[in-house]
């Protein structure tokens, strides 16, 4: 059976992040997230129970850090330091990992009836396997959004999927 990834609704993403973080998060259609060799972003892969990859979610560093820091109410200067230096605070990174885990929902919703799980999370795009970089760039369904986390800042997020057979 074939499954096709449906575009996540910006209002649903906004509502989910706002409820999770206890602060306003505005999500809108956005520019294509840059995933080149010189770009700084984090990413996560999602798989079915049989190990088939169904998607990748990626966020630029400012958004990754904003979501991670705001989840445990870390001071905004921690977010700023992560963005400026590229060095993650351990708690902020653990929180960002949890944000990706929660993003499983968008793949789960799209592939109803199929169990989807977070596979791996990458803090450094240089660690992302080459085939995953190609996947996110060439996915048959890719949706990019801009996201602003009140009090922390904004950035981009992308959901990419080729569906599952």
N, C-alpha and C. Protein backbone atom coordinates (compact mmCIF):
# COMPACT_ATOMS: atom_id res chain seq x y z
N UNK A 1 0.84 -1.18 0.00
CA UNK A 1 0.00 0.00 0.00
C UNK A 1 0.89 1.24 0.00
N UNK A 2 0.47 2.25 -0.72
CA UNK A 2 1.24 3.48 -0.83
C UNK A 2 0.61 4.58 0.03
N UNK A 3 1.45 5.39 0.64
CA UNK A 3 1.00 6.48 1.48
C UNK A 3 1.62 7.77 0.97
N UNK A 4 0.86 8.85 1.08
CA UNK A 4 1.36 10.13 0.61
C UNK A 4 1.30 11.14 1.75
N UNK A 5 2.37 11.87 1.88
CA UNK A 5 2.50 12.87 2.95
C UNK A 5 1.68 14.09 2.60
N UNK A 6 0.82 14.50 3.51
CA UNK A 6 0.00 15.70 3.33
C UNK A 6 0.67 16.88 4.02
N UNK A 7 0.48 18.03 3.44
CA UNK A 7 1.06 19.25 4.00
C UNK A 7 0.54 19.50 5.41
N UNK A 8 1.45 19.65 6.38
CA UNK A 8 1.00 20.02 7.73
C UNK A 8 0.37 21.42 7.69
N UNK A 9 -0.69 21.59 8.43
CA UNK A 9 -1.39 22.86 8.51
C UNK A 9 -0.62 23.81 9.42
N UNK A 10 -0.24 25.01 8.93
CA UNK A 10 0.49 25.95 9.79
C UNK A 10 -0.22 26.24 11.11
N UNK A 11 -1.55 26.31 11.09
CA UNK A 11 -2.29 26.57 12.33
C UNK A 11 -2.13 25.41 13.31
N UNK A 12 -2.08 24.18 12.81
CA UNK A 12 -1.88 23.01 13.69
C UNK A 12 -0.48 23.00 14.29
N UNK A 13 0.52 23.36 13.47
CA UNK A 13 1.90 23.42 13.97
C UNK A 13 1.98 24.50 15.05
N UNK A 14 1.40 25.66 14.75
CA UNK A 14 1.41 26.77 15.70
C UNK A 14 0.74 26.38 17.02
N UNK A 15 -0.41 25.77 16.92
CA UNK A 15 -1.16 25.37 18.12
C UNK A 15 -0.37 24.35 18.94
N UNK A 16 0.20 23.36 18.27
CA UNK A 16 0.96 22.33 18.98
C UNK A 16 2.16 22.93 19.71
N UNK A 17 2.97 23.74 19.00
CA UNK A 17 4.14 24.35 19.63
C UNK A 17 3.72 25.32 20.74
N UNK A 18 2.67 26.11 20.52
CA UNK A 18 2.21 27.06 21.54
C UNK A 18 1.77 26.35 22.81
N UNK A 19 1.01 25.27 22.66
CA UNK A 19 0.57 24.50 23.83
C UNK A 19 1.76 23.86 24.55
N UNK A 20 2.68 23.32 23.79
CA UNK A 20 3.84 22.65 24.36
C UNK A 20 4.73 23.63 25.13
N UNK A 21 4.94 24.79 24.55
CA UNK A 21 5.88 25.76 25.12
C UNK A 21 5.23 26.74 26.10
N UNK A 22 3.92 26.83 26.07
CA UNK A 22 3.24 27.78 26.95
C UNK A 22 3.48 29.22 26.56
N UNK A 23 3.70 29.45 25.27
CA UNK A 23 3.93 30.81 24.75
C UNK A 23 3.47 30.83 23.30
N UNK A 24 3.25 32.01 22.79
CA UNK A 24 2.79 32.15 21.42
C UNK A 24 3.88 31.72 20.43
N UNK A 25 3.48 30.89 19.50
CA UNK A 25 4.35 30.49 18.40
C UNK A 25 3.56 30.70 17.12
N UNK A 26 4.05 31.56 16.25
CA UNK A 26 3.38 31.86 14.99
C UNK A 26 4.06 31.09 13.87
N UNK A 27 3.26 30.39 13.08
CA UNK A 27 3.79 29.59 11.96
C UNK A 27 3.09 30.04 10.69
N UNK A 28 3.86 30.21 9.63
CA UNK A 28 3.33 30.63 8.34
C UNK A 28 4.13 29.95 7.24
N UNK A 29 3.62 29.96 6.03
CA UNK A 29 4.41 29.45 4.91
C UNK A 29 5.69 30.24 4.85
N UNK A 30 6.78 29.58 4.51
CA UNK A 30 8.07 30.26 4.54
C UNK A 30 8.92 29.96 3.33
N UNK A 31 10.06 30.60 3.30
CA UNK A 31 11.04 30.38 2.24
C UNK A 31 11.65 28.99 2.41
N UNK A 32 12.20 28.48 1.35
CA UNK A 32 12.83 27.16 1.37
C UNK A 32 14.01 27.18 2.35
N UNK A 33 14.00 26.26 3.31
CA UNK A 33 15.08 26.13 4.28
C UNK A 33 16.35 25.74 3.54
N UNK A 34 17.43 26.44 3.83
CA UNK A 34 18.70 26.16 3.17
C UNK A 34 19.37 24.96 3.83
N UNK A 35 19.69 23.96 3.02
CA UNK A 35 20.31 22.73 3.52
C UNK A 35 21.59 22.41 2.75
N UNK A 36 22.31 23.46 2.35
CA UNK A 36 23.57 23.28 1.65
C UNK A 36 24.71 22.93 2.59
N UNK A 37 25.85 22.63 2.03
CA UNK A 37 27.00 22.20 2.83
C UNK A 37 27.51 23.31 3.77
N UNK A 38 27.22 24.56 3.47
CA UNK A 38 27.67 25.66 4.34
C UNK A 38 26.58 26.17 5.27
N UNK A 39 25.39 25.60 5.15
CA UNK A 39 24.27 26.04 5.97
C UNK A 39 24.28 25.31 7.31
N UNK A 40 23.78 25.98 8.33
CA UNK A 40 23.74 25.40 9.67
C UNK A 40 22.29 25.08 9.99
N UNK A 41 22.03 23.80 10.21
CA UNK A 41 20.68 23.36 10.54
C UNK A 41 20.77 22.05 11.32
N UNK A 42 19.66 21.69 11.95
CA UNK A 42 19.54 20.40 12.61
C UNK A 42 18.50 19.60 11.83
N UNK A 43 18.49 18.30 12.03
CA UNK A 43 17.54 17.47 11.27
C UNK A 43 17.22 16.19 12.04
N UNK A 44 16.10 15.61 11.68
CA UNK A 44 15.69 14.33 12.27
C UNK A 44 15.07 13.48 11.18
N UNK A 45 15.29 12.18 11.27
CA UNK A 45 14.69 11.24 10.34
C UNK A 45 13.59 10.46 11.06
N UNK A 46 12.58 10.05 10.27
CA UNK A 46 11.43 9.33 10.80
C UNK A 46 11.23 8.06 9.99
N UNK A 47 10.95 6.95 10.70
CA UNK A 47 10.81 5.64 10.06
C UNK A 47 9.56 4.92 10.53
N UNK A 48 9.15 3.96 9.70
CA UNK A 48 8.06 3.07 10.08
C UNK A 48 8.64 1.94 10.93
N UNK A 49 7.77 1.09 11.47
CA UNK A 49 8.22 -0.04 12.29
C UNK A 49 9.13 -0.99 11.53
N UNK A 50 8.92 -1.09 10.20
CA UNK A 50 9.78 -1.99 9.41
C UNK A 50 11.10 -1.34 8.98
N UNK A 51 11.33 -0.10 9.42
CA UNK A 51 12.60 0.58 9.13
C UNK A 51 12.60 1.45 7.89
N UNK A 52 11.48 1.54 7.19
CA UNK A 52 11.40 2.38 6.00
C UNK A 52 11.38 3.86 6.40
N UNK A 53 12.25 4.65 5.80
CA UNK A 53 12.25 6.08 6.09
C UNK A 53 11.07 6.73 5.39
N UNK A 54 10.28 7.50 6.15
CA UNK A 54 9.13 8.18 5.58
C UNK A 54 9.29 9.69 5.55
N UNK A 55 10.31 10.20 6.22
CA UNK A 55 10.47 11.64 6.18
C UNK A 55 11.63 12.17 6.97
N UNK A 56 11.88 13.45 6.73
CA UNK A 56 12.91 14.20 7.44
C UNK A 56 12.30 15.55 7.81
N UNK A 57 12.60 15.99 9.01
CA UNK A 57 12.25 17.34 9.44
C UNK A 57 13.57 18.05 9.71
N UNK A 58 13.69 19.27 9.24
CA UNK A 58 14.91 20.05 9.48
C UNK A 58 14.54 21.45 9.94
N UNK A 59 15.38 22.00 10.79
CA UNK A 59 15.19 23.37 11.27
C UNK A 59 16.52 24.10 11.22
N UNK A 60 16.47 25.39 10.89
CA UNK A 60 17.71 26.16 10.94
C UNK A 60 18.11 26.34 12.41
N UNK A 61 19.35 26.73 12.62
CA UNK A 61 19.87 26.85 13.98
C UNK A 61 19.06 27.82 14.85
N UNK A 62 18.69 29.01 14.35
CA UNK A 62 17.92 29.91 15.22
C UNK A 62 16.61 29.30 15.73
N UNK A 63 15.89 28.59 14.87
CA UNK A 63 14.63 28.00 15.32
C UNK A 63 14.88 26.79 16.22
N UNK A 64 15.84 25.95 15.87
CA UNK A 64 16.17 24.79 16.72
C UNK A 64 16.47 25.25 18.14
N UNK A 65 17.30 26.27 18.24
CA UNK A 65 17.69 26.78 19.56
C UNK A 65 16.52 27.48 20.26
N UNK A 66 15.70 28.21 19.51
CA UNK A 66 14.56 28.90 20.12
C UNK A 66 13.58 27.90 20.72
N UNK A 67 13.26 26.85 19.97
CA UNK A 67 12.34 25.85 20.48
C UNK A 67 12.94 25.09 21.66
N UNK A 68 14.22 24.71 21.52
CA UNK A 68 14.88 23.97 22.60
C UNK A 68 15.01 24.78 23.88
N UNK A 69 15.37 26.03 23.75
CA UNK A 69 15.53 26.88 24.95
C UNK A 69 14.19 27.20 25.58
N UNK A 70 13.19 27.48 24.77
CA UNK A 70 11.90 27.89 25.33
C UNK A 70 11.17 26.74 26.00
N UNK A 71 11.46 25.50 25.61
CA UNK A 71 10.76 24.36 26.22
C UNK A 71 10.97 24.30 27.72
N UNK A 72 12.16 24.65 28.19
CA UNK A 72 12.40 24.63 29.64
C UNK A 72 12.64 26.04 30.19
N UNK A 73 12.13 27.03 29.48
CA UNK A 73 12.19 28.43 29.93
C UNK A 73 13.61 28.91 30.20
N UNK A 74 14.55 28.47 29.37
CA UNK A 74 15.92 28.96 29.50
C UNK A 74 15.94 30.44 29.12
N UNK A 75 16.84 31.21 29.70
CA UNK A 75 16.89 32.64 29.36
C UNK A 75 17.22 32.84 27.88
N UNK A 76 16.63 33.87 27.27
CA UNK A 76 16.90 34.15 25.85
C UNK A 76 18.38 34.31 25.52
N UNK A 77 19.21 34.73 26.48
CA UNK A 77 20.63 34.88 26.16
C UNK A 77 21.29 33.53 25.87
N UNK A 78 20.74 32.44 26.38
CA UNK A 78 21.27 31.10 26.06
C UNK A 78 21.01 30.81 24.59
N UNK A 79 19.80 31.15 24.13
CA UNK A 79 19.46 31.00 22.72
C UNK A 79 20.42 31.80 21.85
N UNK A 80 20.62 33.04 22.24
CA UNK A 80 21.51 33.93 21.48
C UNK A 80 22.93 33.36 21.39
N UNK A 81 23.43 32.82 22.49
CA UNK A 81 24.78 32.26 22.51
C UNK A 81 24.89 31.04 21.58
N UNK A 82 23.87 30.19 21.59
CA UNK A 82 23.88 29.01 20.71
C UNK A 82 23.92 29.46 19.25
N UNK A 83 23.09 30.44 18.91
CA UNK A 83 23.05 30.92 17.53
C UNK A 83 24.37 31.56 17.13
N UNK A 84 24.97 32.33 18.03
CA UNK A 84 26.22 33.02 17.70
C UNK A 84 27.41 32.07 17.61
N UNK A 85 27.46 31.07 18.48
CA UNK A 85 28.65 30.20 18.53
C UNK A 85 28.45 28.85 17.86
N UNK A 86 27.20 28.43 17.72
CA UNK A 86 26.92 27.10 17.19
C UNK A 86 27.16 25.99 18.21
N UNK A 87 27.46 26.38 19.44
CA UNK A 87 27.71 25.40 20.50
C UNK A 87 26.46 25.23 21.34
N UNK A 88 26.00 24.00 21.42
CA UNK A 88 24.75 23.71 22.11
C UNK A 88 24.93 23.55 23.60
N UNK A 89 24.02 24.13 24.36
CA UNK A 89 23.86 23.84 25.77
C UNK A 89 23.22 22.44 25.82
N UNK A 90 23.67 21.57 26.70
CA UNK A 90 23.19 20.19 26.73
C UNK A 90 21.67 20.11 26.93
N UNK A 91 21.14 20.90 27.86
CA UNK A 91 19.69 20.86 28.10
C UNK A 91 18.92 21.37 26.89
N UNK A 92 19.41 22.42 26.27
CA UNK A 92 18.74 22.97 25.09
C UNK A 92 18.72 21.93 23.97
N UNK A 93 19.83 21.20 23.79
CA UNK A 93 19.85 20.18 22.75
C UNK A 93 18.91 19.03 23.09
N UNK A 94 18.87 18.60 24.34
CA UNK A 94 17.93 17.55 24.75
C UNK A 94 16.49 17.98 24.48
N UNK A 95 16.20 19.24 24.75
CA UNK A 95 14.87 19.77 24.48
C UNK A 95 14.56 19.80 22.99
N UNK A 96 15.54 20.17 22.18
CA UNK A 96 15.34 20.19 20.74
C UNK A 96 15.07 18.78 20.23
N UNK A 97 15.78 17.82 20.78
CA UNK A 97 15.55 16.42 20.44
C UNK A 97 14.09 16.05 20.74
N UNK A 98 13.59 16.50 21.87
CA UNK A 98 12.19 16.23 22.24
C UNK A 98 11.22 16.94 21.28
N UNK A 99 11.57 18.14 20.84
CA UNK A 99 10.73 18.84 19.86
C UNK A 99 10.62 17.98 18.60
N UNK A 100 11.75 17.43 18.14
CA UNK A 100 11.70 16.56 16.96
C UNK A 100 10.84 15.33 17.23
N UNK A 101 10.94 14.78 18.42
CA UNK A 101 10.11 13.62 18.76
C UNK A 101 8.63 13.97 18.64
N UNK A 102 8.27 15.15 19.08
CA UNK A 102 6.88 15.59 18.99
C UNK A 102 6.48 15.83 17.53
N UNK A 103 7.42 16.23 16.69
CA UNK A 103 7.13 16.42 15.26
C UNK A 103 6.77 15.11 14.56
N UNK A 104 7.01 13.99 15.23
CA UNK A 104 6.59 12.69 14.70
C UNK A 104 5.11 12.74 14.36
N UNK A 105 4.37 13.50 15.15
CA UNK A 105 2.92 13.61 14.95
C UNK A 105 2.56 13.98 13.52
N UNK A 106 3.31 14.89 12.91
CA UNK A 106 2.95 15.34 11.57
C UNK A 106 3.14 14.25 10.53
N UNK A 107 4.09 13.37 10.76
CA UNK A 107 4.25 12.23 9.86
C UNK A 107 3.20 11.17 10.19
N UNK A 108 2.93 10.98 11.46
CA UNK A 108 1.93 10.02 11.90
C UNK A 108 0.56 10.40 11.35
N UNK A 109 0.21 11.68 11.45
CA UNK A 109 -1.07 12.16 10.94
C UNK A 109 -1.19 11.92 9.43
N UNK A 110 -0.09 12.12 8.72
CA UNK A 110 -0.10 11.97 7.27
C UNK A 110 -0.18 10.52 6.84
N UNK A 111 0.40 9.63 7.61
CA UNK A 111 0.42 8.21 7.27
C UNK A 111 -0.48 7.45 8.23
N UNK A 112 -1.76 7.82 8.26
CA UNK A 112 -2.68 7.22 9.23
C UNK A 112 -2.67 5.70 9.12
N UNK A 113 -2.68 5.07 10.28
CA UNK A 113 -2.67 3.61 10.33
C UNK A 113 -1.29 3.00 10.32
N UNK A 114 -0.26 3.83 10.16
CA UNK A 114 1.12 3.34 10.13
C UNK A 114 1.84 3.93 11.34
N UNK A 115 2.54 3.08 12.09
CA UNK A 115 3.30 3.57 13.24
C UNK A 115 4.58 4.24 12.75
N UNK A 116 4.75 5.51 13.11
CA UNK A 116 5.93 6.28 12.72
C UNK A 116 6.69 6.62 13.99
N UNK A 117 8.01 6.51 13.93
CA UNK A 117 8.84 6.83 15.09
C UNK A 117 10.02 7.70 14.68
N UNK A 118 10.45 8.51 15.62
CA UNK A 118 11.68 9.28 15.44
C UNK A 118 12.83 8.30 15.33
N UNK A 119 13.67 8.48 14.34
CA UNK A 119 14.80 7.58 14.13
C UNK A 119 16.07 8.18 14.70
N UNK A 120 16.64 9.16 14.03
CA UNK A 120 17.87 9.80 14.48
C UNK A 120 17.73 11.31 14.39
N UNK A 121 18.46 11.99 15.28
CA UNK A 121 18.48 13.45 15.28
C UNK A 121 19.93 13.89 15.11
N UNK A 122 20.13 14.87 14.26
CA UNK A 122 21.47 15.35 13.92
C UNK A 122 21.62 16.81 14.32
N UNK A 123 22.59 17.08 15.17
CA UNK A 123 22.86 18.45 15.59
C UNK A 123 23.73 19.18 14.58
N UNK A 124 24.49 18.42 13.81
CA UNK A 124 25.44 18.98 12.87
C UNK A 124 25.11 18.46 11.48
N UNK A 125 24.85 19.34 10.51
CA UNK A 125 24.51 18.86 9.17
C UNK A 125 25.63 18.03 8.55
N UNK A 126 26.86 18.22 9.02
CA UNK A 126 27.97 17.43 8.51
C UNK A 126 27.87 15.96 8.88
N UNK A 127 27.08 15.64 9.92
CA UNK A 127 26.88 14.26 10.34
C UNK A 127 25.74 13.58 9.58
N UNK A 128 24.93 14.37 8.91
CA UNK A 128 23.80 13.83 8.17
C UNK A 128 24.32 13.09 6.93
N UNK A 129 23.94 11.82 6.78
CA UNK A 129 24.40 11.06 5.61
C UNK A 129 24.02 11.77 4.31
N UNK A 130 24.87 11.64 3.33
CA UNK A 130 24.67 12.30 2.04
C UNK A 130 23.30 11.98 1.43
N UNK A 131 22.88 10.71 1.56
CA UNK A 131 21.58 10.33 0.99
C UNK A 131 20.42 11.06 1.68
N UNK A 132 20.61 11.43 2.95
CA UNK A 132 19.57 12.18 3.65
C UNK A 132 19.51 13.62 3.17
N UNK A 133 20.68 14.19 2.87
CA UNK A 133 20.72 15.55 2.30
C UNK A 133 19.99 15.54 0.96
N UNK A 134 20.28 14.55 0.13
CA UNK A 134 19.59 14.44 -1.16
C UNK A 134 18.09 14.26 -0.96
N UNK A 135 17.74 13.45 0.02
CA UNK A 135 16.33 13.17 0.31
C UNK A 135 15.59 14.46 0.61
N UNK A 136 16.13 15.26 1.52
CA UNK A 136 15.41 16.48 1.91
C UNK A 136 15.34 17.48 0.75
N UNK A 137 16.33 17.49 -0.10
CA UNK A 137 16.33 18.43 -1.22
C UNK A 137 15.40 17.99 -2.34
N UNK A 138 15.23 16.67 -2.51
CA UNK A 138 14.49 16.15 -3.67
C UNK A 138 13.20 15.45 -3.31
N UNK A 139 12.75 15.57 -2.10
CA UNK A 139 11.54 14.87 -1.66
C UNK A 139 10.35 15.25 -2.54
N UNK A 140 9.50 14.28 -2.79
CA UNK A 140 8.32 14.54 -3.62
C UNK A 140 7.35 15.48 -2.92
N UNK A 141 7.34 15.46 -1.61
CA UNK A 141 6.52 16.37 -0.82
C UNK A 141 7.42 17.08 0.18
N UNK A 142 7.57 18.37 0.01
CA UNK A 142 8.38 19.15 0.94
C UNK A 142 7.63 20.44 1.24
N UNK A 143 7.54 20.74 2.54
CA UNK A 143 6.79 21.91 2.98
C UNK A 143 7.66 22.71 3.93
N UNK A 144 7.86 23.99 3.60
CA UNK A 144 8.71 24.87 4.39
C UNK A 144 7.85 25.93 5.07
N UNK A 145 8.19 26.21 6.33
CA UNK A 145 7.44 27.18 7.11
C UNK A 145 8.40 28.10 7.84
N UNK A 146 7.94 29.31 8.09
CA UNK A 146 8.62 30.23 8.99
C UNK A 146 7.94 30.10 10.34
N UNK A 147 8.70 30.22 11.39
CA UNK A 147 8.17 30.00 12.73
C UNK A 147 8.79 31.03 13.67
N UNK A 148 7.94 31.74 14.42
CA UNK A 148 8.44 32.70 15.40
C UNK A 148 8.01 32.28 16.79
N UNK A 149 8.99 32.13 17.67
CA UNK A 149 8.75 31.76 19.06
C UNK A 149 8.83 33.04 19.88
N UNK A 150 7.69 33.48 20.40
CA UNK A 150 7.63 34.74 21.15
C UNK A 150 8.69 34.77 22.26
N UNK A 151 9.49 35.82 22.25
CA UNK A 151 10.51 36.01 23.27
C UNK A 151 11.86 35.40 22.94
N UNK A 152 11.93 34.60 21.87
CA UNK A 152 13.19 33.94 21.51
C UNK A 152 13.65 34.26 20.09
N UNK A 153 12.75 34.33 19.17
CA UNK A 153 13.15 34.61 17.80
C UNK A 153 12.49 33.69 16.81
N UNK A 154 12.99 33.74 15.59
CA UNK A 154 12.33 33.00 14.52
C UNK A 154 13.34 32.26 13.66
N UNK A 155 12.80 31.41 12.81
CA UNK A 155 13.62 30.64 11.89
C UNK A 155 12.74 29.80 11.00
N UNK A 156 13.38 28.85 10.32
CA UNK A 156 12.67 28.02 9.36
C UNK A 156 12.63 26.56 9.75
N UNK A 157 11.56 25.90 9.32
CA UNK A 157 11.39 24.46 9.52
C UNK A 157 10.88 23.86 8.22
N UNK A 158 11.34 22.67 7.90
CA UNK A 158 10.90 21.98 6.69
C UNK A 158 10.54 20.54 7.02
N UNK A 159 9.46 20.08 6.41
CA UNK A 159 9.04 18.69 6.49
C UNK A 159 9.16 18.12 5.08
N UNK A 160 9.84 16.99 4.93
CA UNK A 160 10.04 16.40 3.62
C UNK A 160 9.72 14.91 3.67
N UNK A 161 9.03 14.43 2.62
CA UNK A 161 8.69 13.02 2.57
C UNK A 161 8.54 12.57 1.13
N UNK A 162 8.88 11.33 0.89
CA UNK A 162 8.63 10.70 -0.40
C UNK A 162 7.48 9.72 -0.29
N UNK A 163 6.81 9.69 0.87
CA UNK A 163 5.75 8.72 1.09
C UNK A 163 6.35 7.39 1.46
N UNK A 164 5.54 6.38 1.51
CA UNK A 164 6.00 5.03 1.84
C UNK A 164 5.25 4.04 0.99
N UNK A 165 5.92 3.01 0.58
CA UNK A 165 5.28 1.95 -0.22
C UNK A 165 5.16 0.69 0.58
